[in-house]
Protein backbone atom coordinates (compact mmCIF):
# COMPACT_ATOMS: atom_id res chain seq x y z
CA MET A 1 108.10 117.35 92.62
CA LYS A 2 107.37 114.73 95.28
CA ILE A 3 107.57 115.90 98.87
CA GLN A 4 107.21 113.93 102.07
CA GLU A 5 103.81 113.23 103.59
CA SER A 6 104.75 115.15 106.73
CA ALA A 7 105.57 118.27 104.68
CA GLU A 8 102.21 117.95 102.90
CA ASN A 9 100.49 117.76 106.29
CA TYR A 10 102.24 120.90 107.52
CA LEU A 11 101.35 122.81 104.36
CA GLU A 12 97.74 121.66 104.55
CA THR A 13 97.57 122.69 108.22
CA ILE A 14 98.96 126.14 107.41
CA LEU A 15 96.29 126.53 104.72
CA ILE A 16 93.49 125.44 107.05
CA LEU A 17 94.69 127.73 109.83
CA ARG A 18 95.01 130.65 107.44
CA GLN A 19 91.39 130.13 106.38
CA ARG A 20 90.24 129.82 109.98
CA ILE A 21 92.26 132.49 111.82
CA GLY A 22 93.96 134.59 109.15
CA GLN A 23 97.61 135.01 110.04
CA VAL A 24 99.50 131.88 111.09
CA ARG A 25 102.47 131.52 113.41
CA SER A 26 104.39 128.43 114.47
CA ILE A 27 102.57 128.30 117.82
CA ASP A 28 99.27 127.97 115.97
CA ILE A 29 100.63 124.92 114.18
CA VAL A 30 101.91 123.50 117.50
CA ASN A 31 98.43 123.86 118.98
CA GLU A 32 96.65 122.47 115.91
CA MET A 33 98.86 119.43 115.37
CA ASN A 34 99.78 118.76 119.02
CA PHE A 35 103.48 118.51 118.15
CA SER A 36 106.33 119.98 120.19
CA LYS A 37 107.60 123.49 119.54
CA PRO A 38 111.05 122.19 118.50
CA SER A 39 109.49 119.77 116.00
CA ILE A 40 107.41 122.52 114.41
CA SER A 41 110.35 124.92 114.42
CA TYR A 42 112.51 122.37 112.59
CA ALA A 43 109.74 121.59 110.09
CA MET A 44 109.14 125.27 109.36
CA LYS A 45 112.88 125.76 108.80
CA GLN A 46 112.88 122.87 106.30
CA LEU A 47 109.78 124.21 104.51
CA ARG A 48 111.30 127.69 104.36
CA GLU A 49 114.65 126.40 103.03
CA ASN A 50 112.84 124.41 100.34
CA GLY A 51 110.77 127.38 99.23
CA TYR A 52 107.33 126.23 100.42
CA ILE A 53 106.79 128.97 103.00
CA SER A 54 108.11 132.37 103.92
CA MET A 55 108.23 133.85 107.40
CA ASP A 56 108.30 137.53 108.25
CA GLU A 57 110.20 139.20 111.10
CA SER A 58 107.16 138.80 113.39
CA GLY A 59 107.04 135.06 112.77
CA TYR A 60 103.98 135.06 110.52
CA ILE A 61 104.01 132.24 107.99
CA THR A 62 102.91 132.60 104.39
CA LEU A 63 102.66 129.83 101.84
CA THR A 64 104.68 130.48 98.70
CA GLU A 65 103.11 129.80 95.32
CA LYS A 66 104.49 126.25 95.23
CA GLY A 67 103.57 125.66 98.89
CA LEU A 68 100.03 126.89 98.29
CA GLU A 69 99.68 124.65 95.24
CA ILE A 70 100.58 121.58 97.28
CA ALA A 71 98.44 122.60 100.27
CA GLU A 72 95.38 123.20 98.09
CA ARG A 73 95.82 119.88 96.27
CA VAL A 74 96.13 117.91 99.52
CA TYR A 75 93.25 119.77 101.18
CA GLU A 76 90.96 119.21 98.20
CA ARG A 77 91.77 115.51 98.31
CA HIS A 78 91.10 115.42 102.03
CA LYS A 79 87.71 117.11 101.73
CA VAL A 80 86.52 115.11 98.72
CA LEU A 81 87.71 111.76 100.08
CA THR A 82 86.17 112.44 103.50
CA ASP A 83 82.83 113.47 102.01
CA TYR A 84 82.83 110.56 99.59
CA LEU A 85 83.52 108.01 102.33
CA VAL A 86 80.81 109.54 104.53
CA SER A 87 78.37 109.35 101.61
CA LEU A 88 79.13 105.62 101.44
CA GLY A 89 78.16 105.23 105.10
CA VAL A 90 81.58 105.43 106.75
CA ASP A 91 81.57 107.09 110.19
CA GLU A 92 82.81 110.69 109.86
CA ASP A 93 85.76 110.30 112.24
CA VAL A 94 86.87 107.13 110.46
CA ALA A 95 86.39 108.81 107.07
CA LYS A 96 88.56 111.78 108.13
CA ALA A 97 91.33 109.51 109.41
CA ASP A 98 91.24 107.34 106.28
CA ALA A 99 91.16 110.36 103.97
CA CYS A 100 94.21 111.77 105.76
CA ARG A 101 96.16 108.63 104.88
CA ILE A 102 94.78 108.15 101.36
CA GLU A 103 95.28 111.79 100.27
CA HIS A 104 99.06 111.34 100.17
CA VAL A 105 99.27 108.18 98.11
CA ILE A 106 96.34 108.22 95.71
CA SER A 107 97.22 108.77 92.07
CA PRO A 108 95.87 111.83 90.27
CA MET A 109 93.87 109.55 87.95
CA SER A 110 92.22 107.62 90.78
CA PHE A 111 91.42 110.82 92.66
CA GLU A 112 89.82 112.39 89.59
CA MET A 113 87.65 109.31 89.10
CA ILE A 114 86.55 109.34 92.75
CA LYS A 115 85.82 113.06 92.49
CA LYS A 116 83.76 112.43 89.36
CA ALA A 117 81.83 109.57 91.01
CA TYR A 118 81.16 111.68 94.11
CA LYS A 119 79.94 114.58 91.97
CA GLU A 120 77.47 112.19 90.29
CA ILE A 121 76.23 111.02 93.69
CA LEU A 122 75.61 114.63 94.70
CA GLU A 123 73.86 115.42 91.43
CA ASN A 124 71.62 112.34 91.80
CA LYS A 125 70.70 113.34 95.36
CA GLN A 126 69.88 116.87 94.19
CA ALA A 127 67.77 115.56 91.29
CA LYS A 128 65.76 113.36 93.68
CA LYS A 129 65.00 116.39 95.88
CA GLU A 130 63.57 118.32 92.93
C-alpha cells in the first residue's frame, strides 16, 4: 500500500523518537519536526484512523504492525542512503537532506542494489585494514 511521503516521515520520526526516548507523545513529534501542535494533532488523527498508530489514554503513541513496517523500511533507506552518499564524499548534512528526499521515491530494486554496493564498499575498507 502506497502512503504519502508526509505520513512516512511521521512514522519514521515516531520510530526514531521511540528509540531515543522510549515513549512518544505528540509534543515530542512537535519538538522534533518543528511543526505546529495542530498540524501534528491532525496528522496523528489521520495515522490513527488509517491503522498506522495507536494512542493510549495518556497520549502515548505506539506504531502498529503496519506502521512499524513502513517506519523501519523508510528509516533503513535513510540510514543506508546517507551513509552511502557520505562514503562517496558528500557532506554529511547534504547527504542527510538528499537521503530524506530519495528514501520516499527510490524503487525497492534500486535501493537493494545501492545497499549491496555500499556493503561491498564497507567490506573492501575492512579488508584493507586487516
